Amino acid sequence: MVERADISSVLSQIRSVRHDTSHGMQVHGLGSPNGPLVRALQEGGPEGVASIGATDQVRDVPSFATMLRQAIDNVNGHQQTASDLRTRYELGDPDVDIVNVMVASQKASVAFDAMSQVRNRLVNAYQEIMRMPV
């Protein structure tokens, strides 16, 4: 039951990031009515376009590489936690029970499987791009 809640939270986080990214690009995009380009043109004409700064929300979106690195670190953390709990249980630590070991192991397994699927999709996308005619 615990791993189901974790999977649900991961899915909700993915949906939230997807929604925030697409919503932020549509609502605060350069050409939208509330976007920085339109505001700059309204406030200062063509010269105001140069005033678009790094503080705009468009630049607050993390890069794909950053998000991928965080996901990999998260999977690595789950695997290290599971390994640590397994070792402590095998050594007879009274604070670690088999339920915690199995839950941590399943979390690590699900996270690794999900990361493998992401890797497979990225490899397929790369291969598809490489097959495109120039």
Protein backbone atom coordinates (compact mmCIF):
# COMPACT_ATOMS: atom_id res chain seq x y z
CA MET A 1 0.00 0.00 0.00
CA VAL A 2 2.89 2.36 0.75
CA GLU A 3 4.45 1.96 -2.68
CA ARG A 4 1.07 2.73 -4.33
CA ALA A 5 1.01 6.10 -2.55
CA ASP A 6 4.56 6.79 -3.73
CA ILE A 7 3.68 5.91 -7.31
CA SER A 8 0.64 8.16 -7.11
CA SER A 9 2.73 11.03 -5.79
CA VAL A 10 5.30 10.54 -8.56
CA LEU A 11 2.55 10.57 -11.18
CA SER A 12 1.01 13.70 -9.70
CA GLN A 13 4.43 15.39 -9.71
CA ILE A 14 4.93 14.47 -13.37
CA ARG A 15 1.49 15.81 -14.25
CA SER A 16 2.17 18.98 -12.27
CA VAL A 17 5.47 19.61 -14.02
CA ARG A 18 3.89 18.91 -17.40
CA HIS A 19 0.99 21.25 -16.62
CA ASP A 20 3.27 23.98 -15.24
CA THR A 21 5.58 23.76 -18.23
CA SER A 22 2.86 23.83 -20.85
CA HIS A 23 0.76 26.37 -18.94
CA GLY A 24 3.74 28.62 -18.29
CA MET A 25 4.74 28.57 -21.93
CA GLN A 26 1.20 29.36 -23.11
CA VAL A 27 0.25 31.97 -20.54
CA HIS A 28 3.62 33.61 -20.07
CA GLY A 29 5.08 32.86 -23.49
CA LEU A 30 6.78 35.59 -25.45
CA GLY A 31 3.81 36.25 -27.73
CA SER A 32 0.96 35.76 -25.27
CA PRO A 33 -1.10 38.76 -24.08
CA ASN A 34 0.62 38.66 -20.67
CA GLY A 35 4.03 37.65 -22.00
CA PRO A 36 7.25 39.62 -21.58
CA LEU A 37 7.48 40.55 -25.26
CA VAL A 38 4.00 42.12 -25.32
CA ARG A 39 4.62 43.90 -21.99
CA ALA A 40 7.94 45.26 -23.25
CA LEU A 41 6.34 46.53 -26.45
CA GLN A 42 3.50 48.18 -24.51
CA GLU A 43 5.79 49.81 -21.96
CA GLY A 44 8.66 50.97 -24.11
CA GLY A 45 7.94 50.24 -27.74
CA PRO A 46 10.55 48.38 -29.76
CA GLU A 47 13.29 49.72 -27.46
CA GLY A 48 11.51 48.07 -24.49
CA VAL A 49 12.09 44.63 -25.96
CA ALA A 50 15.70 44.88 -24.87
CA SER A 51 14.48 45.21 -21.27
CA ILE A 52 13.28 41.60 -21.12
CA GLY A 53 15.38 40.27 -18.27
CA ALA A 54 16.38 36.95 -16.76
CA THR A 55 13.82 37.37 -14.00
CA ASP A 56 10.89 36.46 -16.27
CA GLN A 57 9.10 33.21 -15.54
CA VAL A 58 10.12 31.69 -18.87
CA ARG A 59 13.69 31.41 -17.59
CA ASP A 60 12.63 29.80 -14.29
CA VAL A 61 11.81 26.50 -16.00
CA PRO A 62 14.58 23.98 -15.23
CA SER A 63 16.47 22.55 -18.16
CA PHE A 64 15.90 19.02 -19.40
CA ALA A 65 19.40 18.03 -18.33
CA THR A 66 18.75 19.29 -14.80
CA MET A 67 15.49 17.40 -14.55
CA LEU A 68 17.09 14.22 -15.91
CA ARG A 69 20.00 14.50 -13.48
CA GLN A 70 17.57 14.94 -10.56
CA ALA A 71 15.60 11.88 -11.67
CA ILE A 72 18.76 9.78 -11.92
CA ASP A 73 19.92 10.99 -8.51
CA ASN A 74 16.50 10.12 -7.10
CA VAL A 75 16.70 6.56 -8.49
CA ASN A 76 20.24 6.23 -7.16
CA GLY A 77 19.07 7.40 -3.73
CA HIS A 78 16.30 4.79 -3.67
CA GLN A 79 18.78 2.05 -4.60
CA GLN A 80 21.29 3.13 -1.95
CA THR A 81 18.57 3.29 0.71
CA ALA A 82 17.34 -0.20 -0.20
CA SER A 83 20.87 -1.56 -0.17
CA ASP A 84 21.59 0.05 3.20
CA LEU A 85 18.38 -1.29 4.75
CA ARG A 86 19.04 -4.77 3.34
CA THR A 87 22.56 -4.78 4.78
CA ARG A 88 21.37 -3.55 8.17
CA TYR A 89 18.65 -6.22 8.25
CA GLU A 90 21.12 -8.96 7.34
CA LEU A 91 23.45 -7.80 10.12
CA GLY A 92 20.59 -8.05 12.63
CA ASP A 93 19.82 -4.38 13.29
CA PRO A 94 16.74 -4.40 15.58
CA ASP A 95 15.51 -1.05 14.17
CA VAL A 96 15.02 -2.49 10.66
CA ASP A 97 12.23 -4.95 9.92
CA ILE A 98 11.63 -6.99 6.79
CA VAL A 99 8.63 -4.86 5.75
CA ASN A 100 10.77 -1.71 5.47
CA VAL A 101 13.42 -3.65 3.55
CA MET A 102 10.90 -5.01 1.06
CA VAL A 103 9.16 -1.65 0.58
CA ALA A 104 12.48 0.10 -0.04
CA SER A 105 13.51 -2.66 -2.44
CA GLN A 106 10.26 -2.35 -4.40
CA LYS A 107 10.58 1.45 -4.55
CA ALA A 108 14.08 1.08 -5.96
CA SER A 109 12.90 -1.53 -8.46
CA VAL A 110 9.99 0.58 -9.71
CA ALA A 111 12.15 3.70 -9.94
CA PHE A 112 14.82 1.81 -11.88
CA ASP A 113 12.26 0.31 -14.27
CA ALA A 114 10.76 3.75 -14.90
CA MET A 115 14.20 5.23 -15.54
CA SER A 116 14.98 2.37 -17.94
CA GLN A 117 11.80 3.13 -19.87
CA VAL A 118 12.74 6.82 -20.06
CA ARG A 119 16.19 5.85 -21.35
CA ASN A 120 14.67 3.55 -23.95
CA ARG A 121 12.34 6.31 -25.14
CA LEU A 122 15.20 8.79 -25.36
CA VAL A 123 17.32 6.33 -27.37
CA ASN A 124 14.40 5.68 -29.71
CA ALA A 125 13.81 9.42 -30.15
CA TYR A 126 17.51 9.97 -30.88
CA GLN A 127 17.54 7.17 -33.43
CA GLU A 128 14.41 8.56 -35.06
CA ILE A 129 16.00 12.01 -35.33
CA MET A 130 19.16 10.52 -36.81
CA ARG A 131 17.09 8.76 -39.48
CA MET A 132 15.45 12.01 -40.59
CA PRO A 133 16.64 13.31 -43.94
CA VAL A 134 18.47 16.61 -43.82
